[in-house]
Amino acid sequence: MKLFRSRTDRMLAGVLGGMAESFGVKAALLRILFVILLFSTAFFPMAILYLVFVFALPNREEY
């Protein structure tokens, strides 16, 4: 399984949409889970992780 950023299912950069496609779950579920974790970890760890994924994951059409 290869992770990627989605070009079609994106709210910000397509990270969670691409992960949802890779794992076979709904993107809304991952987004809700991400927001809950974002606020429960005082914002910074999840925000930094998201930024790492933005720059580390390729877009869907690039591979």
C-alpha atoms as a PDB file:
ATOM      1  CA  MET A   1       0.000   0.000   0.000  1.00  0.00           C
ATOM      2  CA  LYS A   2       1.412   3.360  -1.029  1.00  0.00           C
ATOM      3  CA  LEU A   3       0.278   6.592   0.573  1.00  0.00           C
ATOM      4  CA  PHE A   4      -0.398   9.626  -1.575  1.00  0.00           C
ATOM      5  CA  ARG A   5      -2.221  12.957  -1.552  1.00  0.00           C
ATOM      6  CA  SER A   6      -5.548  13.029  -3.348  1.00  0.00           C
ATOM      7  CA  ARG A   7      -6.179  15.488  -6.158  1.00  0.00           C
ATOM      8  CA  THR A   8      -9.980  15.184  -6.011  1.00  0.00           C
ATOM      9  CA  ASP A   9     -10.881  14.552  -2.346  1.00  0.00           C
ATOM     10  CA  ARG A  10      -9.120  17.456  -0.655  1.00  0.00           C
ATOM     11  CA  MET A  11     -10.017  20.062   1.891  1.00  0.00           C
ATOM     12  CA  LEU A  12      -6.569  21.512   2.449  1.00  0.00           C
ATOM     13  CA  ALA A  13      -3.755  19.602   0.750  1.00  0.00           C
ATOM     14  CA  GLY A  14      -5.357  16.212   0.079  1.00  0.00           C
ATOM     15  CA  VAL A  15      -3.443  14.306   2.763  1.00  0.00           C
ATOM     16  CA  LEU A  16      -6.441  12.877   4.600  1.00  0.00           C
ATOM     17  CA  GLY A  17      -8.358  12.250   1.370  1.00  0.00           C
ATOM     18  CA  GLY A  18      -5.436  10.255  -0.016  1.00  0.00           C
ATOM     19  CA  MET A  19      -5.062   8.294   3.207  1.00  0.00           C
ATOM     20  CA  ALA A  20      -8.773   7.513   3.177  1.00  0.00           C
ATOM     21  CA  GLU A  21      -8.489   6.155  -0.375  1.00  0.00           C
ATOM     22  CA  SER A  22      -5.457   4.056   0.588  1.00  0.00           C
ATOM     23  CA  PHE A  23      -7.052   2.584   3.709  1.00  0.00           C
ATOM     24  CA  GLY A  24     -10.515   2.192   2.181  1.00  0.00           C
ATOM     25  CA  VAL A  25     -12.374   4.351   4.707  1.00  0.00           C
ATOM     26  CA  LYS A  26     -14.430   7.510   4.368  1.00  0.00           C
ATOM     27  CA  ALA A  27     -12.467  10.745   4.317  1.00  0.00           C
ATOM     28  CA  ALA A  28     -14.949  12.415   6.653  1.00  0.00           C
ATOM     29  CA  LEU A  29     -14.164   9.836   9.337  1.00  0.00           C
ATOM     30  CA  LEU A  30     -10.438  10.553   9.108  1.00  0.00           C
ATOM     31  CA  ARG A  31     -11.045  14.295   9.129  1.00  0.00           C
ATOM     32  CA  ILE A  32     -13.179  14.091  12.283  1.00  0.00           C
ATOM     33  CA  LEU A  33     -10.575  11.894  13.970  1.00  0.00           C
ATOM     34  CA  PHE A  34      -7.823  14.304  12.938  1.00  0.00           C
ATOM     35  CA  VAL A  35      -9.656  17.325  14.367  1.00  0.00           C
ATOM     36  CA  ILE A  36     -10.282  15.502  17.644  1.00  0.00           C
ATOM     37  CA  LEU A  37      -6.602  14.550  17.885  1.00  0.00           C
ATOM     38  CA  LEU A  38      -5.561  18.045  16.831  1.00  0.00           C
ATOM     39  CA  PHE A  39      -7.336  19.674  19.758  1.00  0.00           C
ATOM     40  CA  SER A  40      -6.590  16.928  22.286  1.00  0.00           C
ATOM     41  CA  THR A  41      -2.824  17.103  21.659  1.00  0.00           C
ATOM     42  CA  ALA A  42      -2.606  20.885  21.991  1.00  0.00           C
ATOM     43  CA  PHE A  43      -2.496  21.418  18.205  1.00  0.00           C
ATOM     44  CA  PHE A  44       1.253  21.270  17.545  1.00  0.00           C
ATOM     45  CA  PRO A  45       2.071  17.529  17.216  1.00  0.00           C
ATOM     46  CA  MET A  46      -0.744  16.833  14.756  1.00  0.00           C
ATOM     47  CA  ALA A  47      -0.174  20.074  12.837  1.00  0.00           C
ATOM     48  CA  ILE A  48       3.522  19.253  12.417  1.00  0.00           C
ATOM     49  CA  LEU A  49       2.681  15.692  11.364  1.00  0.00           C
ATOM     50  CA  TYR A  50       0.219  17.018   8.779  1.00  0.00           C
ATOM     51  CA  LEU A  51       2.841  19.411   7.385  1.00  0.00           C
ATOM     52  CA  VAL A  52       5.358  16.566   7.123  1.00  0.00           C
ATOM     53  CA  PHE A  53       2.825  14.546   5.139  1.00  0.00           C
ATOM     54  CA  VAL A  54       2.088  17.516   2.860  1.00  0.00           C
ATOM     55  CA  PHE A  55       5.713  17.669   1.771  1.00  0.00           C
ATOM     56  CA  ALA A  56       6.527  13.940   1.958  1.00  0.00           C
ATOM     57  CA  LEU A  57       3.566  12.393   0.127  1.00  0.00           C
ATOM     58  CA  PRO A  58       3.360  12.658  -3.666  1.00  0.00           C
ATOM     59  CA  ASN A  59       0.162  13.560  -5.470  1.00  0.00           C
ATOM     60  CA  ARG A  60      -1.869  10.644  -6.871  1.00  0.00           C
ATOM     61  CA  GLU A  61      -0.830  11.165 -10.538  1.00  0.00           C
ATOM     62  CA  GLU A  62       2.900  11.421  -9.829  1.00  0.00           C
ATOM     63  CA  TYR A  63       3.637   7.706  -9.510  1.00  0.00           C
END
